[in-house]
Protein backbone atom coordinates (compact mmCIF):
# COMPACT_ATOMS: atom_id res chain seq x y z
CA MET A 1 -12.01 64.25 42.76
CA THR A 2 -12.33 65.83 46.13
CA ALA A 3 -10.53 63.08 48.19
CA LEU A 4 -7.50 64.35 47.09
CA SER A 5 -8.45 68.36 47.21
CA GLN A 6 -7.52 68.64 51.20
CA GLU A 7 -4.11 69.31 52.14
CA THR A 8 -3.90 66.25 55.08
CA ARG A 9 -5.36 64.09 52.76
CA LEU A 10 -3.37 64.93 49.82
CA LYS A 11 -0.40 64.45 52.11
CA VAL A 12 -1.32 61.04 53.47
CA PHE A 13 -1.84 59.91 49.32
CA ARG A 14 1.55 61.08 48.41
CA LEU A 15 3.04 59.03 51.75
CA LEU A 16 1.21 56.31 51.39
CA ALA A 17 2.44 56.18 47.46
CA ARG A 18 6.14 56.19 48.84
CA GLU A 19 5.34 53.45 50.89
CA GLY A 20 4.42 50.83 48.03
CA ALA A 21 2.19 48.15 49.08
CA THR A 22 3.26 47.22 52.25
CA GLY A 23 2.18 50.28 53.56
CA LEU A 24 1.92 51.79 57.08
CA PRO A 25 0.38 51.80 60.01
CA ALA A 26 -2.47 54.29 61.18
CA GLY A 27 -0.45 55.19 64.04
CA ARG A 28 2.95 55.50 62.31
CA ILE A 29 0.60 57.71 59.42
CA ALA A 30 -0.41 60.38 62.30
CA GLU A 31 3.52 60.43 63.64
CA GLU A 32 4.65 61.17 60.34
CA LEU A 33 2.36 63.90 59.47
CA GLY A 34 1.84 65.10 62.92
CA VAL A 35 -2.11 64.78 62.91
CA ARG A 36 -4.33 63.87 66.11
CA PRO A 37 -5.96 60.24 65.35
CA ALA A 38 -9.35 60.68 65.50
CA THR A 39 -8.53 63.40 62.50
CA LEU A 40 -6.46 61.02 60.28
CA SER A 41 -8.98 58.28 61.05
CA PHE A 42 -11.94 60.64 58.99
CA HIS A 43 -9.56 61.50 56.25
CA LEU A 44 -8.37 57.77 56.03
CA SER A 45 -11.63 56.53 56.20
CA LEU A 46 -12.60 58.97 53.55
CA LEU A 47 -9.51 57.93 50.70
CA GLU A 48 -10.69 54.32 51.59
CA LYS A 49 -14.38 55.32 50.33
CA ALA A 50 -13.05 56.77 47.24
CA GLY A 51 -11.15 54.02 45.71
CA LEU A 52 -7.45 55.39 46.61
CA LEU A 53 -6.43 53.19 49.93
CA LYS A 54 -7.27 50.01 51.18
CA SER A 55 -6.48 48.98 54.65
CA ARG A 56 -5.83 45.33 56.24
CA ARG A 57 -5.50 44.27 59.53
CA GLU A 58 -2.07 42.89 60.84
CA SER A 59 -2.29 41.90 64.62
CA ARG A 60 -3.53 45.11 66.24
CA SER A 61 -2.68 47.34 63.67
CA ILE A 62 -4.79 48.52 60.99
CA ILE A 63 -2.20 49.15 57.48
CA TYR A 64 -2.91 51.27 54.90
CA SER A 65 -1.57 51.60 51.64
CA VAL A 66 -2.06 52.80 48.13
CA ASP A 67 -5.25 51.00 45.78
CA VAL A 68 -3.50 50.42 42.83
CA PRO A 69 -6.02 49.62 40.65
CA GLY A 70 -8.69 52.50 42.27
CA THR A 71 -5.67 55.22 41.73
CA ARG A 72 -4.65 53.61 38.05
CA ALA A 73 -8.64 54.60 37.92
CA LEU A 74 -8.42 57.73 38.85
CA LEU A 75 -5.66 58.97 36.95
CA ALA A 76 -7.00 57.09 33.60
CA PHE A 77 -10.02 60.08 34.15
CA LEU A 78 -8.19 62.87 34.66
CA THR A 79 -5.81 61.98 31.32
CA GLU A 80 -8.60 60.67 29.35
CA ASP A 81 -9.48 63.46 26.94
CA CYS A 82 -6.08 64.69 27.72
CA CYS A 83 -4.05 66.85 24.82
CA GLN A 84 -6.44 65.98 21.88
CA GLY A 85 -6.88 62.77 22.34
CA HIS A 86 -2.98 61.78 23.08
CA PRO A 87 -2.92 61.24 26.32
CA GLU A 88 0.67 59.84 26.45
CA LEU A 89 1.79 63.77 26.12
CA CYS A 90 0.99 63.64 29.96
CA LEU A 91 3.64 60.71 30.76
CA PRO A 92 6.46 62.05 32.77
CA VAL A 93 9.12 63.84 31.35
CA ASP A 94 12.86 62.78 31.81
CA GLU A 95 14.41 66.61 31.67
CA GLY A 96 17.86 65.65 30.07
CA ALA A 97 16.17 63.65 27.09
CA GLU A 98 12.73 65.73 26.77
CA ARG A 99 11.13 62.49 26.20
CA PRO A 100 8.63 60.88 28.00
CA VAL A 101 9.38 58.36 30.99
CA LYS A 102 7.97 54.97 30.13
CA ALA A 103 6.12 53.32 33.12
CA HIS A 104 7.83 49.84 35.08
């Protein structure tokens, strides 16, 4: 997935993943990451076209958040053939218990 292969886009995605459904306005994303608004606009557009982000207008701001169905589809694609047909092995591991952590 080329959308996440660029450092700024990956940082944007990770920032917005932490924010959840609330998302952030484009200006705040630019401030948080130290990216010029014109450059950020290009990256946001590409991530949105890839189905990883969604946007909504609130008053004068455009709020960006992670597109959960699109992100799930990407993760399913990446782990589809994982571990000889056992994708559950790709779940995050609880380091203390040495077993997969169940999603909430």
